[in-house]
Amino acid sequence: MLQTLINRGGVLCLLLVMAGCSTYSLPESEPAPPPQPTAPAPRAPAPPQPPRPPQPPTTSAWKPLVEKAQQARARGDYEQALALLERAQRIDPESAEIYLQLAQTHKARGDTSQARAVAERGMLFCTSSSQCDALRAFTR
């Protein structure tokens, strides 16, 4: 008796699971009309962008830091000079002049391998032959 109930319950569960997976639907009373081709909706023109305010040149922002770094290097305070130059580099990361100052400071500190690495990176950004020549001198 118990076995019969288990078998019937299993069959009932199986039928419920199969019915839940079914995708059968009742036929509609009227067939749906074929889709009508529609023309694409005209695009509205993009609103004009307001003009950007002019950005202040970054050149003037880092120059005082470089001057202070040169003074710190002249008095032998290399850590202060490097800190100032790193601040200047955050303002303008593509300035070859800052890379040159960093290379000079590392060399004055006695770290020639770091001076060479900084100079090589700075050569990617040099714009004049004098800057490139000065940076190249550290890579030899």
C-alpha atoms as a PDB file:
ATOM      1  CA  MET A   1       0.000   0.000   0.000  1.00  0.00           C
ATOM      2  CA  LEU A   2       2.751   2.414   0.958  1.00  0.00           C
ATOM      3  CA  GLN A   3       4.652   1.453  -2.170  1.00  0.00           C
ATOM      4  CA  THR A   4       1.600   2.281  -4.328  1.00  0.00           C
ATOM      5  CA  LEU A   5       1.257   5.729  -2.748  1.00  0.00           C
ATOM      6  CA  ILE A   6       4.933   6.444  -3.301  1.00  0.00           C
ATOM      7  CA  ASN A   7       4.694   5.364  -6.945  1.00  0.00           C
ATOM      8  CA  ARG A   8       1.574   7.474  -7.579  1.00  0.00           C
ATOM      9  CA  GLY A   9       3.143  10.462  -5.797  1.00  0.00           C
ATOM     10  CA  GLY A  10       6.271  10.117  -7.898  1.00  0.00           C
ATOM     11  CA  VAL A  11       4.267   9.945 -11.098  1.00  0.00           C
ATOM     12  CA  LEU A  12       2.221  12.976 -10.014  1.00  0.00           C
ATOM     13  CA  CYS A  13       5.394  14.967  -9.256  1.00  0.00           C
ATOM     14  CA  LEU A  14       6.889  13.981 -12.581  1.00  0.00           C
ATOM     15  CA  LEU A  15       3.751  15.118 -14.426  1.00  0.00           C
ATOM     16  CA  LEU A  16       3.766  18.458 -12.577  1.00  0.00           C
ATOM     17  CA  VAL A  17       7.415  19.055 -13.415  1.00  0.00           C
ATOM     18  CA  MET A  18       6.839  18.210 -17.063  1.00  0.00           C
ATOM     19  CA  ALA A  19       3.752  20.430 -17.209  1.00  0.00           C
ATOM     20  CA  GLY A  20       5.740  23.324 -15.742  1.00  0.00           C
ATOM     21  CA  CYS A  21       8.332  22.961 -18.492  1.00  0.00           C
ATOM     22  CA  SER A  22       5.723  22.890 -21.243  1.00  0.00           C
ATOM     23  CA  THR A  23       5.500  25.814 -23.672  1.00  0.00           C
ATOM     24  CA  TYR A  24       2.106  24.875 -25.064  1.00  0.00           C
ATOM     25  CA  SER A  25      -0.374  27.728 -25.307  1.00  0.00           C
ATOM     26  CA  LEU A  26      -3.976  27.812 -26.389  1.00  0.00           C
ATOM     27  CA  PRO A  27      -4.615  28.953 -29.975  1.00  0.00           C
ATOM     28  CA  GLU A  28      -5.690  32.554 -30.325  1.00  0.00           C
ATOM     29  CA  SER A  29      -9.161  33.285 -31.630  1.00  0.00           C
ATOM     30  CA  GLU A  30      -7.843  35.602 -34.353  1.00  0.00           C
ATOM     31  CA  PRO A  31      -4.435  35.426 -35.967  1.00  0.00           C
ATOM     32  CA  ALA A  32      -2.199  38.367 -35.253  1.00  0.00           C
ATOM     33  CA  PRO A  33      -1.771  40.791 -38.158  1.00  0.00           C
ATOM     34  CA  PRO A  34       1.634  40.693 -39.830  1.00  0.00           C
ATOM     35  CA  PRO A  35       4.002  43.354 -38.552  1.00  0.00           C
ATOM     36  CA  GLN A  36       3.958  46.538 -40.584  1.00  0.00           C
ATOM     37  CA  PRO A  37       7.305  47.969 -41.666  1.00  0.00           C
ATOM     38  CA  THR A  38       7.894  51.272 -39.973  1.00  0.00           C
ATOM     39  CA  ALA A  39      10.187  54.063 -40.991  1.00  0.00           C
ATOM     40  CA  PRO A  40      12.927  54.845 -38.494  1.00  0.00           C
ATOM     41  CA  ALA A  41      12.051  57.700 -36.218  1.00  0.00           C
ATOM     42  CA  PRO A  42      13.883  60.901 -37.122  1.00  0.00           C
ATOM     43  CA  ARG A  43      16.665  61.737 -34.709  1.00  0.00           C
ATOM     44  CA  ALA A  44      16.483  64.947 -32.837  1.00  0.00           C
ATOM     45  CA  PRO A  45      19.593  67.073 -33.202  1.00  0.00           C
ATOM     46  CA  ALA A  46      21.902  66.927 -30.229  1.00  0.00           C
ATOM     47  CA  PRO A  47      21.763  70.002 -28.035  1.00  0.00           C
ATOM     48  CA  PRO A  48      24.763  72.257 -28.546  1.00  0.00           C
ATOM     49  CA  GLN A  49      27.520  71.811 -26.004  1.00  0.00           C
ATOM     50  CA  PRO A  50      28.324  74.881 -23.944  1.00  0.00           C
ATOM     51  CA  PRO A  51      31.836  76.165 -24.581  1.00  0.00           C
ATOM     52  CA  ARG A  52      34.424  74.992 -22.098  1.00  0.00           C
ATOM     53  CA  PRO A  53      36.064  77.609 -19.975  1.00  0.00           C
ATOM     54  CA  PRO A  54      39.738  77.969 -20.813  1.00  0.00           C
ATOM     55  CA  GLN A  55      41.986  75.835 -18.631  1.00  0.00           C
ATOM     56  CA  PRO A  56      44.819  77.623 -16.902  1.00  0.00           C
ATOM     57  CA  PRO A  57      48.181  76.601 -18.275  1.00  0.00           C
ATOM     58  CA  THR A  58      49.857  74.027 -16.083  1.00  0.00           C
ATOM     59  CA  THR A  59      53.291  75.392 -16.936  1.00  0.00           C
ATOM     60  CA  SER A  60      52.976  78.299 -14.564  1.00  0.00           C
ATOM     61  CA  ALA A  61      51.689  76.086 -11.762  1.00  0.00           C
ATOM     62  CA  TRP A  62      54.735  73.826 -11.430  1.00  0.00           C
ATOM     63  CA  LYS A  63      57.532  76.337 -12.094  1.00  0.00           C
ATOM     64  CA  PRO A  64      57.628  77.715  -8.520  1.00  0.00           C
ATOM     65  CA  LEU A  65      57.889  74.153  -7.222  1.00  0.00           C
ATOM     66  CA  VAL A  66      60.831  73.475  -9.521  1.00  0.00           C
ATOM     67  CA  GLU A  67      62.545  76.668  -8.390  1.00  0.00           C
ATOM     68  CA  LYS A  68      62.115  75.687  -4.727  1.00  0.00           C
ATOM     69  CA  ALA A  69      63.414  72.200  -5.555  1.00  0.00           C
ATOM     70  CA  GLN A  70      66.523  73.694  -7.172  1.00  0.00           C
ATOM     71  CA  GLN A  71      67.145  75.740  -4.026  1.00  0.00           C
ATOM     72  CA  ALA A  72      66.682  72.674  -1.818  1.00  0.00           C
ATOM     73  CA  ARG A  73      69.072  70.664  -4.002  1.00  0.00           C
ATOM     74  CA  ALA A  74      71.664  73.471  -3.858  1.00  0.00           C
ATOM     75  CA  ARG A  75      71.666  73.352  -0.055  1.00  0.00           C
ATOM     76  CA  GLY A  76      71.854  69.525  -0.066  1.00  0.00           C
ATOM     77  CA  ASP A  77      68.252  68.828   1.006  1.00  0.00           C
ATOM     78  CA  TYR A  78      67.608  66.152  -1.615  1.00  0.00           C
ATOM     79  CA  GLU A  79      64.530  64.665   0.053  1.00  0.00           C
ATOM     80  CA  GLN A  80      62.791  68.050   0.058  1.00  0.00           C
ATOM     81  CA  ALA A  81      63.836  68.646  -3.545  1.00  0.00           C
ATOM     82  CA  LEU A  82      62.448  65.267  -4.626  1.00  0.00           C
ATOM     83  CA  ALA A  83      59.185  65.879  -2.769  1.00  0.00           C
ATOM     84  CA  LEU A  84      58.737  69.235  -4.501  1.00  0.00           C
ATOM     85  CA  LEU A  85      59.567  67.769  -7.898  1.00  0.00           C
ATOM     86  CA  GLU A  86      57.112  64.917  -7.403  1.00  0.00           C
ATOM     87  CA  ARG A  87      54.412  67.478  -6.616  1.00  0.00           C
ATOM     88  CA  ALA A  88      55.325  69.343  -9.781  1.00  0.00           C
ATOM     89  CA  GLN A  89      55.163  66.100 -11.734  1.00  0.00           C
ATOM     90  CA  ARG A  90      51.622  65.437 -10.489  1.00  0.00           C
ATOM     91  CA  ILE A  91      50.642  68.809 -11.933  1.00  0.00           C
ATOM     92  CA  ASP A  92      52.285  68.171 -15.308  1.00  0.00           C
ATOM     93  CA  PRO A  93      53.328  64.531 -15.746  1.00  0.00           C
ATOM     94  CA  GLU A  94      54.556  65.135 -19.300  1.00  0.00           C
ATOM     95  CA  SER A  95      57.072  67.884 -18.617  1.00  0.00           C
ATOM     96  CA  ALA A  96      60.580  66.976 -19.701  1.00  0.00           C
ATOM     97  CA  GLU A  97      61.927  69.828 -17.568  1.00  0.00           C
ATOM     98  CA  ILE A  98      60.612  68.167 -14.403  1.00  0.00           C
ATOM     99  CA  TYR A  99      62.165  64.847 -15.441  1.00  0.00           C
ATOM    100  CA  LEU A 100      65.467  66.625 -16.026  1.00  0.00           C
ATOM    101  CA  GLN A 101      65.323  68.198 -12.566  1.00  0.00           C
ATOM    102  CA  LEU A 102      64.487  64.816 -11.039  1.00  0.00           C
ATOM    103  CA  ALA A 103      67.441  63.205 -12.819  1.00  0.00           C
ATOM    104  CA  GLN A 104      69.776  65.956 -11.639  1.00  0.00           C
ATOM    105  CA  THR A 105      68.559  65.576  -8.056  1.00  0.00           C
ATOM    106  CA  HIS A 106      68.943  61.794  -8.074  1.00  0.00           C
ATOM    107  CA  LYS A 107      72.456  62.124  -9.471  1.00  0.00           C
ATOM    108  CA  ALA A 108      73.405  64.744  -6.865  1.00  0.00           C
ATOM    109  CA  ARG A 109      72.088  62.377  -4.218  1.00  0.00           C
ATOM    110  CA  GLY A 110      74.346  59.626  -5.606  1.00  0.00           C
ATOM    111  CA  ASP A 111      71.611  57.428  -7.097  1.00  0.00           C
ATOM    112  CA  THR A 112      72.817  57.184 -10.700  1.00  0.00           C
ATOM    113  CA  SER A 113      70.582  54.243 -11.640  1.00  0.00           C
ATOM    114  CA  GLN A 114      67.458  56.180 -10.619  1.00  0.00           C
ATOM    115  CA  ALA A 115      68.766  59.263 -12.441  1.00  0.00           C
ATOM    116  CA  ARG A 116      69.172  57.163 -15.589  1.00  0.00           C
ATOM    117  CA  ALA A 117      65.672  55.676 -15.297  1.00  0.00           C
ATOM    118  CA  VAL A 118      64.056  59.081 -14.795  1.00  0.00           C
ATOM    119  CA  ALA A 119      66.017  60.572 -17.698  1.00  0.00           C
ATOM    120  CA  GLU A 120      64.974  57.749 -20.026  1.00  0.00           C
ATOM    121  CA  ARG A 121      61.340  58.349 -19.147  1.00  0.00           C
ATOM    122  CA  GLY A 122      61.779  62.098 -19.601  1.00  0.00           C
ATOM    123  CA  MET A 123      63.150  61.614 -23.101  1.00  0.00           C
ATOM    124  CA  LEU A 124      59.650  60.565 -24.142  1.00  0.00           C
ATOM    125  CA  PHE A 125      58.468  64.117 -23.467  1.00  0.00           C
ATOM    126  CA  CYS A 126      61.362  66.366 -24.512  1.00  0.00           C
ATOM    127  CA  THR A 127      60.435  69.033 -27.043  1.00  0.00           C
ATOM    128  CA  SER A 128      63.731  70.767 -27.685  1.00  0.00           C
ATOM    129  CA  SER A 129      67.112  69.421 -28.634  1.00  0.00           C
ATOM    130  CA  SER A 130      68.711  71.003 -25.548  1.00  0.00           C
ATOM    131  CA  GLN A 131      66.294  69.153 -23.248  1.00  0.00           C
ATOM    132  CA  CYS A 132      66.806  65.896 -25.113  1.00  0.00           C
ATOM    133  CA  ASP A 133      70.592  66.307 -25.007  1.00  0.00           C
ATOM    134  CA  ALA A 134      70.545  67.069 -21.272  1.00  0.00           C
ATOM    135  CA  LEU A 135      68.386  64.024 -20.556  1.00  0.00           C
ATOM    136  CA  ARG A 136      70.437  61.834 -22.877  1.00  0.00           C
ATOM    137  CA  ALA A 137      73.591  62.732 -20.900  1.00  0.00           C
ATOM    138  CA  PHE A 138      72.142  60.849 -17.900  1.00  0.00           C
ATOM    139  CA  THR A 139      71.517  57.694 -19.906  1.00  0.00           C
ATOM    140  CA  ARG A 140      75.171  57.165 -20.855  1.00  0.00           C
END
